[in-house]
Protein backbone atom coordinates (compact mmCIF):
# COMPACT_ATOMS: atom_id res chain seq x y z
CA UNK A 1 93.48 101.30 97.47
CA UNK A 2 93.86 99.43 100.74
CA UNK A 3 97.15 100.79 102.08
CA UNK A 4 98.95 98.69 104.65
CA UNK A 5 102.12 99.25 106.60
CA UNK A 6 104.02 96.01 106.01
CA UNK A 7 107.32 96.57 107.78
CA UNK A 8 108.74 99.16 110.15
CA UNK A 9 111.92 97.36 111.06
CA UNK A 10 113.76 100.20 112.71
CA UNK A 11 114.11 98.70 116.19
CA UNK A 12 115.05 95.24 114.93
CA UNK A 13 117.72 96.70 112.71
CA UNK A 14 119.10 98.71 115.63
CA UNK A 15 119.86 95.44 117.36
CA UNK A 16 121.20 94.11 114.07
CA UNK A 17 123.91 96.73 114.00
CA UNK A 18 125.51 95.05 117.02
CA UNK A 19 126.57 92.19 114.74
CA UNK A 20 130.26 91.73 114.10
CA UNK A 21 131.88 93.60 111.24
CA UNK A 22 133.86 90.54 110.15
CA UNK A 23 132.02 90.57 106.81
CA UNK A 24 133.94 93.72 105.86
CA UNK A 25 137.14 91.64 105.75
CA UNK A 26 135.71 88.17 105.17
CA UNK A 27 136.62 86.97 101.65
CA UNK A 28 133.53 84.73 101.55
CA UNK A 29 131.00 87.57 101.51
CA UNK A 30 130.71 91.30 100.98
CA UNK A 31 128.77 93.83 103.08
CA UNK A 32 126.68 96.72 101.72
CA UNK A 33 125.55 98.30 105.00
CA UNK A 34 127.43 101.51 104.12
CA UNK A 35 125.20 102.00 101.05
CA UNK A 36 121.66 103.30 100.79
CA UNK A 37 119.59 100.44 99.42
CA UNK A 38 116.24 101.08 97.72
CA UNK A 39 113.95 98.43 96.26
CA UNK A 40 110.44 97.72 95.02
CA UNK A 41 108.91 94.37 95.87
CA UNK A 42 105.96 92.06 95.38
CA UNK A 43 104.89 90.12 98.46
CA UNK A 44 102.47 87.24 98.95
CA UNK A 45 102.34 85.93 102.51
CA UNK A 46 99.74 83.97 104.48
CA UNK A 47 99.20 81.79 107.53
CA UNK A 48 97.11 78.69 106.72
CA UNK A 49 95.75 76.03 109.04
CA UNK A 50 94.47 72.47 108.68
CA UNK A 51 92.03 71.14 111.26
CA UNK A 52 91.92 67.36 111.72
CA UNK A 53 89.21 65.60 113.70
CA UNK A 54 87.56 62.20 114.15
CA UNK A 55 84.08 61.73 112.66
CA UNK A 56 82.31 58.38 112.88
CA UNK A 57 85.59 56.58 113.29
CA UNK A 58 87.20 58.32 110.32
CA UNK A 59 89.85 61.03 110.25
CA UNK A 60 88.67 64.14 108.41
CA UNK A 61 90.39 67.41 107.63
CA UNK A 62 89.23 70.96 107.04
CA UNK A 63 91.53 73.53 105.45
CA UNK A 64 91.32 77.05 106.90
CA UNK A 65 92.69 79.48 104.32
CA UNK A 66 92.87 83.27 104.61
CA UNK A 67 91.55 85.46 101.81
CA UNK A 68 94.89 86.33 100.24
CA UNK A 69 96.15 89.87 99.84
CA UNK A 70 98.95 90.30 97.30
CA UNK A 71 101.03 93.42 97.90
CA UNK A 72 103.44 95.84 96.26
CA UNK A 73 105.85 97.92 98.29
CA UNK A 74 108.88 100.18 98.48
CA UNK A 75 111.81 99.57 100.85
CA UNK A 76 114.67 101.80 101.99
CA UNK A 77 117.59 100.83 104.21
CA UNK A 78 120.83 102.41 105.43
CA UNK A 79 123.02 101.20 108.28
CA UNK A 80 120.62 100.49 111.18
CA UNK A 81 117.52 102.00 109.52
CA UNK A 82 115.27 99.70 107.47
CA UNK A 83 111.76 100.88 106.51
CA UNK A 84 109.21 99.48 104.04
CA UNK A 85 105.72 100.50 103.00
CA UNK A 86 103.30 98.33 101.03
CA UNK A 87 99.76 98.33 99.69
CA UNK A 88 97.31 95.88 98.12
CA UNK A 89 96.34 97.18 94.64
CA UNK A 90 92.95 96.25 93.24
CA UNK A 91 94.36 95.36 89.81
CA UNK A 92 95.52 92.04 91.32
CA UNK A 93 92.62 89.64 90.74
CA UNK A 94 93.04 88.03 94.15
CA UNK A 95 92.45 91.43 95.85
CA UNK A 96 89.29 92.46 93.97
CA UNK A 97 86.73 90.60 96.08
CA UNK A 98 88.54 90.89 99.41
CA UNK A 99 87.54 94.42 100.42
CA UNK A 100 86.71 93.31 103.98
CA UNK A 101 89.81 91.15 104.35
CA UNK A 102 92.80 92.50 106.23
CA UNK A 103 96.45 91.54 106.46
CA UNK A 104 99.24 93.04 108.51
CA UNK A 105 102.60 91.29 108.63
CA UNK A 106 105.81 92.32 110.31
CA UNK A 107 109.10 90.43 110.06
CA UNK A 108 112.60 91.33 111.13
CA UNK A 109 115.90 89.79 112.20
CA UNK A 110 118.82 90.98 114.24
CA UNK A 111 122.25 89.55 114.82
CA UNK A 112 124.80 89.40 117.61
CA UNK A 113 128.04 87.69 116.68
CA UNK A 114 126.94 84.18 115.59
CA UNK A 115 123.45 84.48 117.05
CA UNK A 116 120.42 85.38 114.95
CA UNK A 117 116.98 86.28 116.30
CA UNK A 118 113.91 86.45 114.06
CA UNK A 119 110.57 88.02 114.94
CA UNK A 120 107.21 87.52 113.19
CA UNK A 121 103.83 89.17 113.66
CA UNK A 122 100.84 88.31 111.44
CA UNK A 123 97.30 89.61 111.85
CA UNK A 124 94.78 88.51 109.23
CA UNK A 125 91.00 88.72 108.88
CA UNK A 126 88.75 86.87 106.43
CA UNK A 127 88.93 83.07 106.00
CA UNK A 128 87.19 80.27 104.17
CA UNK A 129 87.02 76.61 105.15
CA UNK A 130 87.08 73.85 102.56
CA UNK A 131 86.50 70.10 102.78
CA UNK A 132 86.12 67.74 99.80
CA UNK A 133 84.98 70.53 97.48
CA UNK A 134 82.61 72.12 100.01
CA UNK A 135 83.46 75.72 101.01
CA UNK A 136 82.18 77.91 103.85
CA UNK A 137 83.18 81.55 104.25
CA UNK A 138 84.15 83.12 107.58
CA UNK A 139 84.58 86.80 106.63
CA UNK A 140 84.95 87.95 110.25
CA UNK A 141 87.34 85.22 111.40
CA UNK A 142 90.64 86.66 112.60
CA UNK A 143 93.99 85.13 113.55
CA UNK A 144 96.90 86.79 115.30
CA UNK A 145 100.34 85.19 115.43
CA UNK A 146 103.43 86.39 117.27
CA UNK A 147 106.73 84.61 117.75
CA UNK A 148 110.08 83.86 116.20
CA UNK A 149 113.19 81.74 116.41
CA UNK A 150 116.63 81.91 118.01
CA UNK A 151 119.42 80.43 115.88
CA UNK A 152 123.18 79.88 116.09
CA UNK A 153 125.25 80.10 112.88
CA UNK A 154 128.28 77.82 113.18
CA UNK A 155 130.24 78.69 110.03
CA UNK A 156 131.85 82.16 109.84
CA UNK A 157 132.16 81.74 106.06
CA UNK A 158 128.40 81.51 105.52
CA UNK A 159 126.31 84.68 105.12
CA UNK A 160 122.75 84.20 106.34
CA UNK A 161 122.01 87.81 105.38
CA UNK A 162 122.77 86.97 101.75
CA UNK A 163 119.99 84.38 101.93
CA UNK A 164 117.29 86.58 103.47
CA UNK A 165 118.10 90.03 102.02
CA UNK A 166 120.69 91.86 99.91
CA UNK A 167 122.67 93.64 102.63
CA UNK A 168 125.42 91.09 102.06
CA UNK A 169 126.51 89.02 99.07
CA UNK A 170 128.13 85.60 99.22
CA UNK A 171 131.26 85.63 97.04
CA UNK A 172 132.36 82.00 97.59
CA UNK A 173 130.01 79.06 98.03
CA UNK A 174 129.54 78.09 101.64
CA UNK A 175 127.05 76.52 104.01
CA UNK A 176 126.41 76.17 107.71
CA UNK A 177 124.69 73.99 110.25
CA UNK A 178 122.18 76.22 112.09
CA UNK A 179 120.10 74.82 115.00
CA UNK A 180 117.03 76.89 115.89
CA UNK A 181 114.60 77.11 118.78
CA UNK A 182 111.16 78.45 117.79
CA UNK A 183 108.23 79.77 119.80
CA UNK A 184 104.89 80.97 118.39
CA UNK A 185 101.61 82.03 119.95
CA UNK A 186 98.48 82.08 117.78
CA UNK A 187 94.98 83.26 118.65
CA UNK A 188 92.03 82.16 116.48
CA UNK A 189 88.74 84.03 116.80
CA UNK A 190 85.69 83.13 114.67
CA UNK A 191 83.95 86.45 115.42
CA UNK A 192 80.74 85.02 113.92
CA UNK A 193 78.44 85.14 116.97
CA UNK A 194 78.40 87.32 120.11
CA UNK A 195 79.78 84.51 122.27
CA UNK A 196 82.10 82.93 119.71
CA UNK A 197 84.99 81.04 121.25
CA UNK A 198 88.67 81.81 120.86
CA UNK A 199 91.46 79.32 120.48
CA UNK A 200 94.93 79.83 121.98
CA UNK A 201 97.78 77.87 120.44
CA UNK A 202 101.36 77.66 121.71
CA UNK A 203 104.14 76.04 119.72
CA UNK A 204 107.63 75.18 121.00
CA UNK A 205 110.09 73.39 118.71
CA UNK A 206 113.78 72.63 118.21
CA UNK A 207 114.92 72.20 114.61
CA UNK A 208 118.43 71.40 113.33
CA UNK A 209 118.86 72.97 109.90
CA UNK A 210 121.40 73.33 107.14
CA UNK A 211 121.73 76.26 104.75
CA UNK A 212 123.95 76.65 101.70
CA UNK A 213 124.61 79.50 99.29
CA UNK A 214 125.65 78.25 95.85
CA UNK A 215 127.66 80.98 94.09
CA UNK A 216 127.00 80.23 90.42
CA UNK A 217 129.00 83.23 89.22
CA UNK A 218 130.11 86.63 90.47
CA UNK A 219 126.55 87.87 89.97
CA UNK A 220 124.25 84.86 90.44
CA UNK A 221 123.49 82.97 93.63
CA UNK A 222 121.14 80.17 94.64
CA UNK A 223 120.39 79.99 98.35
CA UNK A 224 118.82 76.91 99.91
CA UNK A 225 117.91 75.70 103.35
CA UNK A 226 115.99 72.96 105.11
CA UNK A 227 115.06 72.44 108.75
CA UNK A 228 113.56 69.29 110.28
CA UNK A 229 112.64 69.26 113.93
CA UNK A 230 110.13 68.41 116.62
CA UNK A 231 108.41 70.00 119.58
CA UNK A 232 105.16 70.32 121.48
CA UNK A 233 101.87 71.99 120.67
CA UNK A 234 99.42 73.33 123.26
CA UNK A 235 95.84 74.06 122.15
CA UNK A 236 93.72 75.43 125.00
CA UNK A 237 95.61 73.32 127.52
CA UNK A 238 95.68 70.12 125.43
CA UNK A 239 99.32 69.19 124.72
CA UNK A 240 100.59 66.98 121.89
CA UNK A 241 103.75 66.35 119.91
CA UNK A 242 104.43 68.06 116.59
CA UNK A 243 106.94 68.02 113.77
CA UNK A 244 108.53 71.00 112.03
CA UNK A 245 109.57 71.23 108.38
CA UNK A 246 110.98 74.48 106.94
CA UNK A 247 112.10 75.08 103.36
CA UNK A 248 113.98 78.08 101.96
CA UNK A 249 114.88 78.86 98.37
CA UNK A 250 116.32 82.01 96.78
CA UNK A 251 117.53 82.93 93.30
CA UNK A 252 119.43 86.24 93.23
CA UNK A 253 121.28 88.51 90.81
CA UNK A 254 123.69 91.10 92.19
CA UNK A 255 126.04 93.90 91.23
CA UNK A 256 127.37 96.60 93.52
CA UNK A 257 124.57 98.86 92.25
CA UNK A 258 121.67 96.75 90.94
CA UNK A 259 120.18 93.59 92.39
CA UNK A 260 117.12 91.41 92.12
CA UNK A 261 115.88 88.22 93.70
CA UNK A 262 112.98 85.85 94.11
CA UNK A 263 112.58 83.94 97.39
CA UNK A 264 110.18 81.34 98.76
CA UNK A 265 110.03 80.42 102.44
CA UNK A 266 107.70 78.03 104.25
CA UNK A 267 107.46 77.14 107.94
CA UNK A 268 105.29 74.09 108.69
CA UNK A 269 104.17 72.73 112.07
CA UNK A 270 102.49 69.33 111.74
CA UNK A 271 100.82 67.65 114.69
CA UNK A 272 101.25 64.04 115.61
CA UNK A 273 98.83 61.68 113.80
CA UNK A 274 97.72 60.18 117.11
CA UNK A 275 96.22 63.47 118.32
CA UNK A 276 92.45 63.36 118.66
CA UNK A 277 92.28 66.84 117.18
CA UNK A 278 94.99 68.34 114.99
CA UNK A 279 95.69 71.88 113.91
CA UNK A 280 98.52 71.96 111.41
CA UNK A 281 100.08 75.39 110.87
CA UNK A 282 101.76 76.75 107.74
CA UNK A 283 103.43 80.14 107.18
CA UNK A 284 104.42 80.80 103.57
CA UNK A 285 106.03 83.85 101.98
CA UNK A 286 106.93 84.62 98.38
CA UNK A 287 108.98 87.76 97.71
CA UNK A 288 110.05 89.26 94.38
CA UNK A 289 112.32 92.30 94.70
CA UNK A 290 114.34 94.64 92.44
CA UNK A 291 116.65 97.25 93.94
CA UNK A 292 119.43 99.78 93.58
CA UNK A 293 122.29 100.82 95.92
CA UNK A 294 124.06 104.16 96.01
CA UNK A 295 126.40 106.12 98.24
CA UNK A 296 124.64 108.16 100.93
CA UNK A 297 124.51 111.95 100.49
CA UNK A 298 127.12 113.78 102.52
CA UNK A 299 124.54 115.27 104.89
CA UNK A 300 122.96 111.88 105.58
CA UNK A 301 126.34 110.36 106.39
CA UNK A 302 127.23 113.27 108.68
CA UNK A 303 123.97 112.86 110.63
CA UNK A 304 124.52 109.11 110.97
CA UNK A 305 128.13 109.58 112.14
CA UNK A 306 127.02 112.07 114.81
CA UNK A 307 124.28 109.74 116.06
CA UNK A 308 126.71 106.82 116.01
CA UNK A 309 129.25 108.74 118.09
CA UNK A 310 126.66 109.70 120.70
CA UNK A 311 124.94 106.37 121.20
CA UNK A 312 127.82 104.06 120.27
CA UNK A 313 126.18 102.01 117.50
């Protein structure tokens, strides 16, 4: 089996513990950071590209798709510690013929009062290009992406954590306007010949967004979000305008002990039609998770309290 470390979110969660503890008293959501949370998950994530170019006076497009790697994993979190480990089992059909393909993805968020910072790292190897039914494989092509977004959550009654994980649970329906500034750097390397060229891509964007958690019942929640924005795209020194469209959807079931959810998130950067060459960028993630919470053992709590007293977390 092709084992892969998917998340080691320790340092991001350390910053996250600086967030306000208002959720402990806020009647609109409930916090579970004092519980040990365990879960098993299925993850399908990828970073796709679409290359647009002019050919004989016509606009043509080539889709650059990574060889997908579907994953299973186990996650454990308590207070400021959040660790996950995943692997790509061969019994998934999509993984059987991708022995040379590689995928490493790392995502985390941390909070300070009303501010939220996300961080993304994706490294993937093995692509294929398709155009009008014609497909060419690039087994050695590699892309590396690093970046994230800085957001401000206006409404104290809205729990963003309830939308992205199960460390909090929205108890009364609420939404919030959340503007975000995003920055991503992507490196594309064909790796097909000794002197193959690299491509460096920088994306800067500002996107107003709105998120809402619909509390259907005490145990069922539907989380939604949409962001529409604009920015600039720099490809090897050539600058052009781009548009951003993000969509978020989550269906969750929750009790104080058991929980489960399915979530779909997409981040899309679309270049201006007037650009001579276009490289549209899409990051998509589907997550299916089932978990269980329980009180920490006495020894674990004692160790955490001692560490907390010494370093002031």
